[in-house]
Amino acid sequence: MKNRLRELRAARGWTQEELGKRLGVSRQAVIAIESDKHDPSLDLAYRIAALFEAPVEAIFENPHTGGASA
């Protein structure tokens, strides 16, 4: 699932390791999500959205519509 996680993380000046710690996941998990190799669980997607104070749809592309609604 395409996402804006790398862009949002970089805008805050966080490393992948820092983001992982804030979310309670490994740096490898952040890398996998950022590179579209792994889709986050619904719970993790909501935690990411809460951390960035944005709706899930502003971070993750809805595969059923072909684009984000942000």
C-alpha atoms as a PDB file:
ATOM      1  CA  MET A   1       0.000   0.000   0.000  1.00  0.00           C
ATOM      2  CA  LYS A   2       1.522   3.305  -1.041  1.00  0.00           C
ATOM      3  CA  ASN A   3       2.033   5.805   1.731  1.00  0.00           C
ATOM      4  CA  ARG A   4       3.581   9.132   2.745  1.00  0.00           C
ATOM      5  CA  LEU A   5       5.345   7.805   5.828  1.00  0.00           C
ATOM      6  CA  ARG A   6       8.887   8.579   4.640  1.00  0.00           C
ATOM      7  CA  GLU A   7       7.887  12.124   3.683  1.00  0.00           C
ATOM      8  CA  LEU A   8       6.146  12.772   7.004  1.00  0.00           C
ATOM      9  CA  ARG A   9       9.009  11.279   9.020  1.00  0.00           C
ATOM     10  CA  ALA A  10      11.611  13.326   7.142  1.00  0.00           C
ATOM     11  CA  ALA A  11       9.598  16.522   7.636  1.00  0.00           C
ATOM     12  CA  ARG A  12       9.926  16.004  11.399  1.00  0.00           C
ATOM     13  CA  GLY A  13      13.620  15.181  11.162  1.00  0.00           C
ATOM     14  CA  TRP A  14      13.147  11.705  12.638  1.00  0.00           C
ATOM     15  CA  THR A  15      15.256   8.694  11.730  1.00  0.00           C
ATOM     16  CA  GLN A  16      13.587   5.378  10.968  1.00  0.00           C
ATOM     17  CA  GLU A  17      14.841   4.196  14.355  1.00  0.00           C
ATOM     18  CA  GLU A  18      13.238   7.178  16.150  1.00  0.00           C
ATOM     19  CA  LEU A  19       9.930   6.629  14.381  1.00  0.00           C
ATOM     20  CA  GLY A  20      10.025   2.940  15.256  1.00  0.00           C
ATOM     21  CA  LYS A  21      10.570   3.752  18.935  1.00  0.00           C
ATOM     22  CA  ARG A  22       7.687   6.228  18.927  1.00  0.00           C
ATOM     23  CA  LEU A  23       5.430   3.571  17.405  1.00  0.00           C
ATOM     24  CA  GLY A  24       6.742   0.614  19.384  1.00  0.00           C
ATOM     25  CA  VAL A  25       8.029  -1.231  16.297  1.00  0.00           C
ATOM     26  CA  SER A  26      11.459  -2.047  14.929  1.00  0.00           C
ATOM     27  CA  ARG A  27      13.414   0.066  12.466  1.00  0.00           C
ATOM     28  CA  GLN A  28      13.043  -2.836  10.037  1.00  0.00           C
ATOM     29  CA  ALA A  29       9.249  -2.569  10.305  1.00  0.00           C
ATOM     30  CA  VAL A  30       9.432   1.137   9.454  1.00  0.00           C
ATOM     31  CA  ILE A  31      11.685   0.368   6.473  1.00  0.00           C
ATOM     32  CA  ALA A  32       9.277  -2.318   5.229  1.00  0.00           C
ATOM     33  CA  ILE A  33       6.269   0.006   5.468  1.00  0.00           C
ATOM     34  CA  GLU A  34       8.066   2.961   3.863  1.00  0.00           C
ATOM     35  CA  SER A  35       9.220   0.809   0.944  1.00  0.00           C
ATOM     36  CA  ASP A  36       5.734  -0.689   0.408  1.00  0.00           C
ATOM     37  CA  LYS A  37       7.046  -4.189   1.188  1.00  0.00           C
ATOM     38  CA  HIS A  38       4.680  -4.568   4.151  1.00  0.00           C
ATOM     39  CA  ASP A  39       1.269  -3.122   4.942  1.00  0.00           C
ATOM     40  CA  PRO A  40       0.786  -2.053   8.555  1.00  0.00           C
ATOM     41  CA  SER A  41      -1.915  -3.639  10.668  1.00  0.00           C
ATOM     42  CA  LEU A  42      -4.999  -1.519  11.150  1.00  0.00           C
ATOM     43  CA  ASP A  43      -3.909  -0.830  14.715  1.00  0.00           C
ATOM     44  CA  LEU A  44      -0.464   0.346  13.585  1.00  0.00           C
ATOM     45  CA  ALA A  45      -1.953   2.473  10.796  1.00  0.00           C
ATOM     46  CA  TYR A  46      -4.128   4.252  13.376  1.00  0.00           C
ATOM     47  CA  ARG A  47      -1.129   4.733  15.703  1.00  0.00           C
ATOM     48  CA  ILE A  48       0.835   6.246  12.809  1.00  0.00           C
ATOM     49  CA  ALA A  49      -2.061   8.557  11.976  1.00  0.00           C
ATOM     50  CA  ALA A  50      -2.368   9.633  15.616  1.00  0.00           C
ATOM     51  CA  LEU A  51       1.373  10.298  15.874  1.00  0.00           C
ATOM     52  CA  PHE A  52       1.296  12.531  12.794  1.00  0.00           C
ATOM     53  CA  GLU A  53      -2.070  14.048  13.800  1.00  0.00           C
ATOM     54  CA  ALA A  54      -3.575  13.229  10.403  1.00  0.00           C
ATOM     55  CA  PRO A  55      -6.349  10.962   9.158  1.00  0.00           C
ATOM     56  CA  VAL A  56      -5.259   7.514   8.003  1.00  0.00           C
ATOM     57  CA  GLU A  57      -6.363   8.433   4.470  1.00  0.00           C
ATOM     58  CA  ALA A  58      -3.880  11.330   4.417  1.00  0.00           C
ATOM     59  CA  ILE A  59      -0.999   8.917   5.016  1.00  0.00           C
ATOM     60  CA  PHE A  60      -2.014   5.685   3.294  1.00  0.00           C
ATOM     61  CA  GLU A  61      -3.425   5.344  -0.205  1.00  0.00           C
ATOM     62  CA  ASN A  62      -6.774   3.616  -0.377  1.00  0.00           C
ATOM     63  CA  PRO A  63      -6.165   0.701  -2.785  1.00  0.00           C
ATOM     64  CA  HIS A  64      -9.854   0.669  -3.668  1.00  0.00           C
ATOM     65  CA  THR A  65      -9.899   4.230  -5.017  1.00  0.00           C
ATOM     66  CA  GLY A  66      -6.387   4.444  -6.456  1.00  0.00           C
ATOM     67  CA  GLY A  67      -5.348   7.531  -4.511  1.00  0.00           C
ATOM     68  CA  ALA A  68      -5.209   9.236  -1.171  1.00  0.00           C
ATOM     69  CA  SER A  69      -7.950  11.642  -0.244  1.00  0.00           C
ATOM     70  CA  ALA A  70      -5.724  14.241   1.385  1.00  0.00           C
END
